[in-house]
Amino acid sequence: MPFTTLRPVDLRVGILSLLTLLGSLVTGCKEPPRLPVGAACSADGECESELCVMEPFVGATCKDPCGGNDANCPSGQLCSGRAAGNVAYCEPAPLPE
């Protein structure tokens, strides 16, 4: 049975097809976007802030770490003083009585 040899054109088409396939596989592996503060989460790495906190009656949400300083929180929020894994986080300021 005689063997056929590949022509240079056939070889180039095969290589280009393989590169196109590999390129589509690589671009399909992008990391999902991170969740904003206040969004439901299940792990720190899901949040833009890198802090996912579980709270009773609320569930787990992304929080802003504040380093124990109210000045690091957005307007209308205070640094909790509570810690999630030894990291204090911002939460809404209590309503005046």
N, C-alpha and C. Protein backbone atom coordinates (compact mmCIF):
# COMPACT_ATOMS: atom_id res chain seq x y z
N MET A 1 0.86 -1.16 0.00
CA MET A 1 0.00 0.00 0.00
C MET A 1 0.90 1.23 0.00
N PRO A 2 0.74 2.09 -0.95
CA PRO A 2 1.62 3.26 -1.04
C PRO A 2 1.21 4.33 -0.02
N PHE A 3 2.20 5.00 0.54
CA PHE A 3 1.96 6.11 1.47
C PHE A 3 1.87 7.41 0.68
N THR A 4 0.94 8.25 1.07
CA THR A 4 0.86 9.56 0.42
C THR A 4 1.62 10.55 1.27
N THR A 5 2.25 11.48 0.64
CA THR A 5 2.97 12.51 1.38
C THR A 5 2.11 13.75 1.47
N LEU A 6 2.26 14.46 2.56
CA LEU A 6 1.49 15.69 2.74
C LEU A 6 2.16 16.80 1.95
N ARG A 7 1.33 17.55 1.28
CA ARG A 7 1.85 18.72 0.58
C ARG A 7 2.01 19.84 1.59
N PRO A 8 2.90 20.80 1.34
CA PRO A 8 3.09 21.91 2.27
C PRO A 8 1.80 22.66 2.58
N VAL A 9 0.91 22.77 1.58
CA VAL A 9 -0.36 23.48 1.80
C VAL A 9 -1.22 22.73 2.80
N ASP A 10 -1.28 21.40 2.69
CA ASP A 10 -2.08 20.60 3.61
C ASP A 10 -1.52 20.72 5.03
N LEU A 11 -0.22 20.72 5.15
CA LEU A 11 0.42 20.84 6.45
C LEU A 11 0.12 22.19 7.09
N ARG A 12 0.17 23.27 6.32
CA ARG A 12 -0.13 24.61 6.85
C ARG A 12 -1.58 24.71 7.30
N VAL A 13 -2.49 24.16 6.53
CA VAL A 13 -3.91 24.20 6.90
C VAL A 13 -4.13 23.43 8.20
N GLY A 14 -3.48 22.30 8.37
CA GLY A 14 -3.61 21.51 9.59
C GLY A 14 -3.07 22.26 10.80
N ILE A 15 -1.93 22.91 10.64
CA ILE A 15 -1.32 23.66 11.75
C ILE A 15 -2.20 24.85 12.12
N LEU A 16 -2.72 25.57 11.12
CA LEU A 16 -3.60 26.71 11.41
C LEU A 16 -4.87 26.26 12.12
N SER A 17 -5.42 25.13 11.71
CA SER A 17 -6.62 24.62 12.38
C SER A 17 -6.34 24.28 13.84
N LEU A 18 -5.19 23.65 14.08
CA LEU A 18 -4.82 23.30 15.44
C LEU A 18 -4.60 24.55 16.29
N LEU A 19 -3.94 25.56 15.74
CA LEU A 19 -3.72 26.80 16.49
C LEU A 19 -5.04 27.51 16.79
N THR A 20 -5.96 27.50 15.85
CA THR A 20 -7.28 28.12 16.07
C THR A 20 -8.02 27.41 17.19
N LEU A 21 -7.97 26.09 17.20
CA LEU A 21 -8.63 25.32 18.25
C LEU A 21 -8.01 25.61 19.62
N LEU A 22 -6.68 25.62 19.69
CA LEU A 22 -6.01 25.91 20.95
C LEU A 22 -6.32 27.32 21.43
N GLY A 23 -6.37 28.30 20.53
CA GLY A 23 -6.70 29.67 20.89
C GLY A 23 -8.09 29.79 21.47
N SER A 24 -9.04 29.08 20.90
CA SER A 24 -10.42 29.15 21.41
C SER A 24 -10.52 28.49 22.77
N LEU A 25 -9.74 27.45 23.03
CA LEU A 25 -9.75 26.81 24.34
C LEU A 25 -9.17 27.73 25.41
N VAL A 26 -8.10 28.43 25.07
CA VAL A 26 -7.44 29.32 26.03
C VAL A 26 -8.34 30.51 26.37
N THR A 27 -8.98 31.12 25.39
CA THR A 27 -9.82 32.28 25.66
C THR A 27 -11.09 31.89 26.40
N GLY A 28 -11.49 30.63 26.35
CA GLY A 28 -12.68 30.17 27.05
C GLY A 28 -12.43 29.96 28.54
N CYS A 29 -11.19 30.10 29.01
CA CYS A 29 -10.84 29.84 30.41
C CYS A 29 -10.70 31.11 31.23
N LYS A 30 -11.39 32.15 30.87
CA LYS A 30 -11.29 33.41 31.62
C LYS A 30 -11.93 33.26 32.99
N GLU A 31 -11.36 33.97 33.96
CA GLU A 31 -11.90 33.98 35.32
C GLU A 31 -13.22 34.75 35.33
N PRO A 32 -14.23 34.25 36.03
CA PRO A 32 -15.50 34.97 36.08
C PRO A 32 -15.33 36.31 36.79
N PRO A 33 -16.17 37.29 36.48
CA PRO A 33 -16.05 38.59 37.15
C PRO A 33 -16.31 38.45 38.65
N ARG A 34 -15.67 39.30 39.41
CA ARG A 34 -15.83 39.29 40.87
C ARG A 34 -17.13 39.99 41.26
N LEU A 35 -17.66 39.62 42.40
CA LEU A 35 -18.93 40.16 42.88
C LEU A 35 -18.72 41.48 43.63
N PRO A 36 -19.67 42.42 43.49
CA PRO A 36 -19.55 43.69 44.20
C PRO A 36 -19.95 43.55 45.67
N VAL A 37 -19.61 44.54 46.46
CA VAL A 37 -19.99 44.57 47.88
C VAL A 37 -21.51 44.49 47.98
N GLY A 38 -21.99 43.64 48.88
CA GLY A 38 -23.43 43.46 49.08
C GLY A 38 -23.99 42.24 48.35
N ALA A 39 -23.25 41.69 47.40
CA ALA A 39 -23.73 40.53 46.65
C ALA A 39 -23.58 39.26 47.48
N ALA A 40 -24.47 38.31 47.26
CA ALA A 40 -24.37 37.01 47.94
C ALA A 40 -23.12 36.29 47.45
N CYS A 41 -22.43 35.62 48.37
CA CYS A 41 -21.18 34.95 48.02
C CYS A 41 -21.05 33.66 48.82
N SER A 42 -20.05 32.86 48.47
CA SER A 42 -19.78 31.65 49.25
C SER A 42 -18.30 31.52 49.61
N ALA A 43 -17.44 32.40 49.05
CA ALA A 43 -16.01 32.35 49.36
C ALA A 43 -15.39 33.72 49.13
N ASP A 44 -14.33 34.03 49.87
CA ASP A 44 -13.66 35.34 49.75
C ASP A 44 -13.25 35.65 48.32
N GLY A 45 -12.73 34.67 47.61
CA GLY A 45 -12.23 34.88 46.25
C GLY A 45 -13.28 35.28 45.24
N GLU A 46 -14.55 35.13 45.56
CA GLU A 46 -15.63 35.53 44.65
C GLU A 46 -15.86 37.04 44.67
N CYS A 47 -15.41 37.72 45.72
CA CYS A 47 -15.71 39.14 45.93
C CYS A 47 -14.60 40.05 45.42
N GLU A 48 -15.00 41.21 44.87
CA GLU A 48 -14.03 42.23 44.48
C GLU A 48 -13.19 42.64 45.69
N SER A 49 -13.80 42.69 46.85
CA SER A 49 -13.13 43.12 48.08
C SER A 49 -12.34 42.00 48.75
N GLU A 50 -12.47 40.77 48.22
CA GLU A 50 -11.80 39.59 48.79
C GLU A 50 -12.28 39.25 50.20
N LEU A 51 -13.53 39.67 50.55
CA LEU A 51 -14.06 39.38 51.88
C LEU A 51 -15.54 38.98 51.78
N CYS A 52 -15.81 37.72 52.06
CA CYS A 52 -17.17 37.17 52.07
C CYS A 52 -17.49 36.83 53.52
N VAL A 53 -18.54 37.43 54.08
CA VAL A 53 -18.86 37.29 55.51
C VAL A 53 -20.24 36.64 55.67
N MET A 54 -20.30 35.60 56.52
CA MET A 54 -21.57 34.95 56.85
C MET A 54 -22.16 35.64 58.07
N GLU A 55 -23.42 36.08 57.95
CA GLU A 55 -24.11 36.73 59.06
C GLU A 55 -25.44 36.02 59.29
N PRO A 56 -25.86 35.93 60.55
CA PRO A 56 -27.15 35.31 60.85
C PRO A 56 -28.29 36.07 60.18
N PHE A 57 -29.25 35.34 59.70
CA PHE A 57 -30.48 35.87 59.07
C PHE A 57 -30.24 36.55 57.73
N VAL A 58 -29.01 36.80 57.36
CA VAL A 58 -28.71 37.49 56.09
C VAL A 58 -28.06 36.53 55.11
N GLY A 59 -27.21 35.65 55.62
CA GLY A 59 -26.42 34.77 54.77
C GLY A 59 -25.07 35.41 54.49
N ALA A 60 -24.35 34.86 53.56
CA ALA A 60 -23.01 35.37 53.24
C ALA A 60 -23.09 36.43 52.15
N THR A 61 -22.42 37.56 52.40
CA THR A 61 -22.37 38.65 51.42
C THR A 61 -20.96 39.22 51.36
N CYS A 62 -20.63 39.84 50.23
CA CYS A 62 -19.34 40.50 50.07
C CYS A 62 -19.33 41.78 50.91
N LYS A 63 -18.27 42.00 51.65
CA LYS A 63 -18.12 43.17 52.52
C LYS A 63 -16.85 43.92 52.19
N ASP A 64 -16.79 45.21 52.57
CA ASP A 64 -15.59 46.03 52.45
C ASP A 64 -14.77 45.90 53.72
N PRO A 65 -13.51 45.45 53.64
CA PRO A 65 -12.68 45.47 54.84
C PRO A 65 -12.34 46.92 55.19
N CYS A 66 -12.21 47.23 56.49
CA CYS A 66 -11.98 48.63 56.88
C CYS A 66 -10.80 48.82 57.82
N GLY A 67 -10.16 47.76 58.25
CA GLY A 67 -8.98 47.90 59.10
C GLY A 67 -9.25 48.56 60.43
N GLY A 68 -10.48 48.50 60.91
CA GLY A 68 -10.80 49.09 62.21
C GLY A 68 -10.96 50.60 62.20
N ASN A 69 -11.09 51.21 61.02
CA ASN A 69 -11.15 52.66 60.91
C ASN A 69 -12.38 53.08 60.11
N ASP A 70 -13.28 53.86 60.73
CA ASP A 70 -14.50 54.32 60.06
C ASP A 70 -14.21 55.10 58.78
N ALA A 71 -13.08 55.79 58.74
CA ALA A 71 -12.73 56.59 57.56
C ALA A 71 -12.53 55.73 56.31
N ASN A 72 -12.33 54.44 56.49
CA ASN A 72 -12.14 53.54 55.34
C ASN A 72 -13.45 53.03 54.76
N CYS A 73 -14.57 53.45 55.33
CA CYS A 73 -15.89 52.99 54.88
C CYS A 73 -16.58 54.06 54.05
N PRO A 74 -17.48 53.62 53.15
CA PRO A 74 -18.27 54.58 52.38
C PRO A 74 -19.19 55.40 53.29
N SER A 75 -19.68 56.49 52.78
CA SER A 75 -20.60 57.35 53.52
C SER A 75 -21.81 56.55 54.00
N GLY A 76 -22.21 56.77 55.25
CA GLY A 76 -23.37 56.08 55.82
C GLY A 76 -23.03 54.73 56.41
N GLN A 77 -21.74 54.36 56.40
CA GLN A 77 -21.33 53.10 56.99
C GLN A 77 -20.24 53.33 58.03
N LEU A 78 -20.13 52.38 58.95
CA LEU A 78 -19.11 52.43 59.98
C LEU A 78 -18.32 51.13 59.97
N CYS A 79 -17.08 51.19 60.45
CA CYS A 79 -16.28 49.98 60.58
C CYS A 79 -16.87 49.18 61.74
N SER A 80 -17.19 47.94 61.51
CA SER A 80 -17.98 47.16 62.46
C SER A 80 -17.33 46.90 63.79
N GLY A 81 -16.03 46.79 63.82
CA GLY A 81 -15.39 46.37 65.06
C GLY A 81 -15.51 44.87 65.22
N ARG A 82 -16.50 44.27 64.56
CA ARG A 82 -16.59 42.81 64.54
C ARG A 82 -15.58 42.33 63.52
N ALA A 83 -15.16 41.13 63.64
CA ALA A 83 -14.15 40.63 62.71
C ALA A 83 -14.62 39.34 62.06
N ALA A 84 -14.34 39.24 60.79
CA ALA A 84 -14.57 38.01 60.04
C ALA A 84 -13.19 37.49 59.69
N GLY A 85 -12.75 36.46 60.36
CA GLY A 85 -11.40 35.97 60.12
C GLY A 85 -10.36 37.03 60.49
N ASN A 86 -10.62 37.76 61.57
CA ASN A 86 -9.74 38.82 62.07
C ASN A 86 -9.68 40.04 61.15
N VAL A 87 -10.69 40.25 60.31
CA VAL A 87 -10.75 41.42 59.44
C VAL A 87 -12.05 42.17 59.74
N ALA A 88 -11.94 43.41 60.24
CA ALA A 88 -13.13 44.24 60.48
C ALA A 88 -13.70 44.67 59.13
N TYR A 89 -15.01 44.86 59.06
CA TYR A 89 -15.64 45.22 57.78
C TYR A 89 -16.68 46.31 57.97
N CYS A 90 -16.98 47.01 56.86
CA CYS A 90 -17.96 48.10 56.88
C CYS A 90 -19.37 47.52 56.90
N GLU A 91 -20.22 48.22 57.65
CA GLU A 91 -21.65 47.87 57.66
C GLU A 91 -22.46 49.15 57.87
N PRO A 92 -23.73 49.12 57.51
CA PRO A 92 -24.54 50.34 57.66
C PRO A 92 -24.51 50.86 59.09
N ALA A 93 -24.44 52.18 59.22
CA ALA A 93 -24.46 52.81 60.54
C ALA A 93 -25.83 52.58 61.17
N PRO A 94 -25.90 52.39 62.48
CA PRO A 94 -27.19 52.19 63.13
C PRO A 94 -28.07 53.44 62.98
N LEU A 95 -29.35 53.22 62.90
CA LEU A 95 -30.29 54.34 62.79
C LEU A 95 -30.37 55.07 64.12
N PRO A 96 -30.49 56.39 64.09
CA PRO A 96 -30.60 57.13 65.36
C PRO A 96 -31.92 56.77 66.05
N GLU A 97 -31.89 56.76 67.35
CA GLU A 97 -33.11 56.42 68.12
C GLU A 97 -33.93 57.63 68.41
